[in-house]
Structures are given as C-alpha cells and as structure tokens.
Protein backbone atom coordinates (compact mmCIF):
# COMPACT_ATOMS: atom_id res chain seq x y z
CA UNK A 1 10.55 -5.68 9.52
CA UNK A 2 9.98 -1.99 8.90
CA UNK A 3 6.30 -0.99 8.94
CA UNK A 4 4.90 1.18 6.17
CA UNK A 5 4.09 3.94 8.66
CA UNK A 6 7.67 3.92 9.96
CA UNK A 7 8.99 4.11 6.39
CA UNK A 8 6.73 7.09 5.58
CA UNK A 9 7.82 8.86 8.77
CA UNK A 10 11.50 8.32 7.97
CA UNK A 11 11.01 9.30 4.33
CA UNK A 12 9.38 12.59 5.32
CA UNK A 13 12.35 13.36 7.59
CA UNK A 14 14.99 12.62 4.94
CA UNK A 15 16.87 15.41 3.16
CA UNK A 16 15.68 15.77 -0.45
CA UNK A 17 18.98 14.59 -1.95
CA UNK A 18 18.88 11.42 0.13
CA UNK A 19 15.34 10.63 -1.07
CA UNK A 20 16.48 10.50 -4.69
CA UNK A 21 19.91 8.94 -4.19
CA UNK A 22 20.42 5.59 -5.87
CA UNK A 23 20.28 2.55 -3.59
CA UNK A 24 22.14 -0.49 -4.88
CA UNK A 25 20.11 -3.63 -4.22
CA UNK A 26 20.14 -6.83 -6.20
CA UNK A 27 18.50 -7.35 -8.58
CA UNK A 28 17.30 -3.79 -9.17
CA UNK A 29 18.76 -0.41 -8.19
CA UNK A 30 16.18 2.00 -6.79
CA UNK A 31 15.82 5.11 -4.64
CA UNK A 32 13.84 5.94 -1.52
CA UNK A 33 11.59 8.10 -3.71
CA UNK A 34 10.80 5.16 -6.01
CA UNK A 35 10.11 2.98 -2.96
CA UNK A 36 7.86 5.74 -1.59
CA UNK A 37 5.91 5.93 -4.84
CA UNK A 38 5.51 2.16 -5.08
CA UNK A 39 4.43 1.85 -1.45
CA UNK A 40 1.92 4.67 -1.95
CA UNK A 41 0.45 2.84 -4.93
CA UNK A 42 0.29 -0.43 -2.98
CA UNK A 43 -1.46 1.41 -0.14
CA UNK A 44 -4.10 2.78 -2.56
CA UNK A 45 -4.63 -0.65 -4.09
CA UNK A 46 -4.91 -2.22 -0.65
CA UNK A 47 -7.61 0.28 0.33
CA UNK A 48 -9.47 -0.38 -2.94
CA UNK A 49 -9.38 -4.15 -2.49
CA UNK A 50 -10.40 -3.94 1.17
CA UNK A 51 -13.40 -1.80 0.16
CA UNK A 52 -14.19 -4.17 -2.70
CA UNK A 53 -14.06 -7.12 -0.28
CA UNK A 54 -16.49 -5.34 2.10
CA UNK A 55 -18.84 -4.59 -0.79
CA UNK A 56 -18.83 -8.17 -2.08
CA UNK A 57 -19.31 -9.62 1.39
CA UNK A 58 -22.22 -7.24 1.94
CA UNK A 59 -23.81 -8.41 -1.32
CA UNK A 60 -23.31 -12.05 -0.33
CA UNK A 61 -24.83 -11.42 3.09
CA UNK A 62 -27.88 -9.73 1.55
CA UNK A 63 -28.31 -12.55 -0.98
CA UNK A 64 -28.06 -15.20 1.77
CA UNK A 65 -30.69 -13.39 3.85
CA UNK A 66 -32.96 -13.24 0.80
CA UNK A 67 -32.78 -16.98 0.08
CA UNK A 68 -32.95 -18.01 3.75
CA UNK A 69 -35.85 -15.70 4.51
C-alpha cells in the first residue's frame, strides 16, 4: 500500500494539470488534488487526536499517582 509520505512526494512532482484531472473510481470520481486535501485533513486530525490522547493519558497518570500516593 502507498504510504502517505510517498503520495505527498508524488503529488508534489506531478504536473498541475494531472493534479486536477478527474480519476474515475467507483463509487466516487475524484482527483489527486481532492485526495491531497482529504489526506492533509486526515493528517491534521491524526495529530490532534494523538496529542489529545497524550494529554488524557497524562491526566490519568497524574490522577492515579494522587490516589495511590
């Protein structure tokens, strides 16, 4: 499977017209640009949720230390 970093590298090297050209996939037509935008959004959300997870685990760790002395 293509990694996100490989996709970004290939996208950056594509000619502009190829980035926006329609790609016919069932069930929804798309373009490399649309895929790029969606992957960028997923990447941001992933970073947010990873940070949120770290924050919540830190809170849990502090609370456990407090009740266990």
